[in-house]
């Protein structure tokens, strides 16, 4: 079983939730401590242990790909089927995000922000139907 460090969790949160919600480094650190308080040295948490507020955080973490869910079914003596849900820490994804260097991160950001660099004039020319003007409606 692989182990992730608190620092790796912080880095992964900073690159996912932190960017999305503009969280400060201190908020990311507190969130990492909060998440790791559930997992400790294991990689799964039983869902029954979580409060509604805790579960909301875990759904957010699932949305950004840092945790996933699974379940098992147990047959009780009375013949009923009992389903137990678990949250699983995606250690490989956390380690990958934490190891992502600044250059790779900047490359992803620059690819994402390419349209924000276009001027209003370029956008206006681009929106024009292709029959109008001599540039075919393409930005320079």
Protein backbone atom coordinates (compact mmCIF):
# COMPACT_ATOMS: atom_id res chain seq x y z
CA UNK A 1 0.00 0.00 0.00
CA UNK A 2 1.45 3.37 -1.04
CA UNK A 3 1.52 6.29 1.35
CA UNK A 4 0.82 9.95 0.60
CA UNK A 5 2.21 12.69 2.76
CA UNK A 6 0.39 15.70 4.11
CA UNK A 7 2.46 17.87 1.76
CA UNK A 8 1.34 15.82 -1.26
CA UNK A 9 -2.29 16.22 -0.22
CA UNK A 10 -1.79 19.97 0.19
CA UNK A 11 -0.22 20.28 -3.27
CA UNK A 12 -2.96 18.20 -4.90
CA UNK A 13 -5.67 20.27 -3.18
CA UNK A 14 -3.96 23.50 -4.19
CA UNK A 15 -3.91 22.39 -7.84
CA UNK A 16 -7.56 21.32 -7.86
CA UNK A 17 -9.86 22.81 -5.25
CA UNK A 18 -7.51 25.69 -4.41
CA UNK A 19 -7.52 27.05 -7.97
CA UNK A 20 -11.23 26.51 -8.43
CA UNK A 21 -12.25 28.27 -5.22
CA UNK A 22 -9.29 30.71 -4.91
CA UNK A 23 -8.34 29.32 -1.52
CA UNK A 24 -5.43 30.72 0.44
CA UNK A 25 -2.47 28.50 1.35
CA UNK A 26 -3.67 28.45 4.96
CA UNK A 27 -7.17 27.31 3.91
CA UNK A 28 -5.69 24.58 1.71
CA UNK A 29 -3.49 23.41 4.60
CA UNK A 30 -6.49 23.24 6.95
CA UNK A 31 -8.49 21.31 4.36
CA UNK A 32 -5.60 18.85 3.90
CA UNK A 33 -5.42 18.30 7.67
CA UNK A 34 -9.20 17.87 7.81
CA UNK A 35 -9.22 15.29 5.00
CA UNK A 36 -6.25 13.36 6.37
CA UNK A 37 -7.85 13.26 9.84
CA UNK A 38 -10.39 10.84 8.36
CA UNK A 39 -7.94 8.63 6.49
CA UNK A 40 -4.90 8.57 8.75
CA UNK A 41 -2.77 5.63 7.61
CA UNK A 42 -5.52 3.89 5.67
CA UNK A 43 -6.88 4.62 2.24
CA UNK A 44 -10.60 4.22 2.92
CA UNK A 45 -13.24 5.66 5.24
CA UNK A 46 -16.63 4.15 5.99
CA UNK A 47 -19.41 6.54 4.96
CA UNK A 48 -21.39 6.00 8.20
CA UNK A 49 -18.65 7.86 10.07
CA UNK A 50 -19.28 11.11 8.16
CA UNK A 51 -21.65 13.91 9.06
CA UNK A 52 -23.64 15.68 6.35
CA UNK A 53 -21.08 18.49 6.25
CA UNK A 54 -18.20 15.99 6.02
CA UNK A 55 -19.95 14.19 3.19
CA UNK A 56 -20.34 17.48 1.29
CA UNK A 57 -16.56 17.93 1.44
CA UNK A 58 -16.02 14.38 0.23
CA UNK A 59 -18.42 14.93 -2.70
CA UNK A 60 -16.37 18.02 -3.63
CA UNK A 61 -13.17 15.94 -3.44
CA UNK A 62 -14.79 13.27 -5.60
CA UNK A 63 -15.72 15.94 -8.15
CA UNK A 64 -12.05 17.00 -8.52
CA UNK A 65 -10.86 13.39 -8.64
CA UNK A 66 -9.11 13.00 -5.28
CA UNK A 67 -11.48 10.40 -3.78
CA UNK A 68 -13.82 7.78 -5.16
CA UNK A 69 -16.51 5.55 -3.68
CA UNK A 70 -17.20 1.85 -3.46
CA UNK A 71 -19.57 -0.38 -1.53
CA UNK A 72 -19.97 -3.92 -0.36
CA UNK A 73 -23.09 -5.89 0.42
CA UNK A 74 -23.35 -8.05 3.51
CA UNK A 75 -26.13 -10.54 4.17
CA UNK A 76 -27.45 -10.17 7.74
CA UNK A 77 -28.71 -13.09 9.84
CA UNK A 78 -32.30 -11.95 9.34
CA UNK A 79 -31.86 -12.31 5.60
CA UNK A 80 -31.62 -8.61 4.85
CA UNK A 81 -28.96 -7.19 2.60
CA UNK A 82 -26.85 -4.44 4.18
CA UNK A 83 -24.88 -2.14 1.89
CA UNK A 84 -21.76 -0.48 3.33
CA UNK A 85 -20.36 2.53 1.47
CA UNK A 86 -16.70 3.57 1.55
CA UNK A 87 -14.73 6.63 0.42
CA UNK A 88 -11.34 5.72 -1.06
CA UNK A 89 -8.42 8.14 -1.23
CA UNK A 90 -6.97 8.17 -4.76
CA UNK A 91 -3.34 8.13 -3.69
CA UNK A 92 -1.98 7.72 -7.21
CA UNK A 93 -3.85 10.81 -8.41
CA UNK A 94 -2.70 12.82 -5.37
CA UNK A 95 0.91 11.77 -5.91
CA UNK A 96 0.69 12.61 -9.63
CA UNK A 97 -0.71 16.08 -8.96
CA UNK A 98 1.82 16.74 -6.22
CA UNK A 99 4.69 15.72 -8.50
CA UNK A 100 3.48 17.91 -11.36
CA UNK A 101 6.23 20.49 -11.77
CA UNK A 102 5.71 24.19 -12.31
CA UNK A 103 6.52 24.04 -16.04
CA UNK A 104 3.88 21.41 -16.70
CA UNK A 105 1.38 23.32 -14.60
CA UNK A 106 2.11 26.56 -16.47
CA UNK A 107 1.73 24.72 -19.78
CA UNK A 108 -1.73 23.52 -18.77
CA UNK A 109 -2.66 27.03 -17.59
CA UNK A 110 -1.39 28.72 -20.76
CA UNK A 111 -3.35 26.29 -22.95
CA UNK A 112 -6.45 27.01 -20.89
CA UNK A 113 -6.00 30.80 -21.01
CA UNK A 114 -5.20 31.18 -24.73
CA UNK A 115 -8.58 32.75 -25.53
CA UNK A 116 -8.28 35.30 -22.73
CA UNK A 117 -5.23 36.74 -24.48
CA UNK A 118 -7.19 37.67 -27.61
CA UNK A 119 -8.17 41.33 -27.91
CA UNK A 120 -11.77 42.45 -28.30
CA UNK A 121 -10.95 43.44 -31.89
CA UNK A 122 -9.76 39.93 -32.69
CA UNK A 123 -12.91 38.44 -31.13
CA UNK A 124 -15.10 40.84 -33.13
CA UNK A 125 -13.41 39.82 -36.40
CA UNK A 126 -13.71 36.15 -35.46
CA UNK A 127 -17.44 36.37 -34.83
CA UNK A 128 -18.12 37.90 -38.24
CA UNK A 129 -19.61 35.40 -40.74
CA UNK A 130 -16.95 33.98 -43.09
CA UNK A 131 -18.32 35.72 -46.20
CA UNK A 132 -17.67 39.22 -44.87
CA UNK A 133 -14.25 40.82 -45.02
CA UNK A 134 -11.08 39.67 -46.67
CA UNK A 135 -9.66 37.63 -43.78
CA UNK A 136 -12.37 34.96 -43.74
CA UNK A 137 -13.40 35.82 -40.18
CA UNK A 138 -10.23 34.39 -38.65
CA UNK A 139 -8.35 36.26 -35.91
CA UNK A 140 -4.78 37.32 -36.70
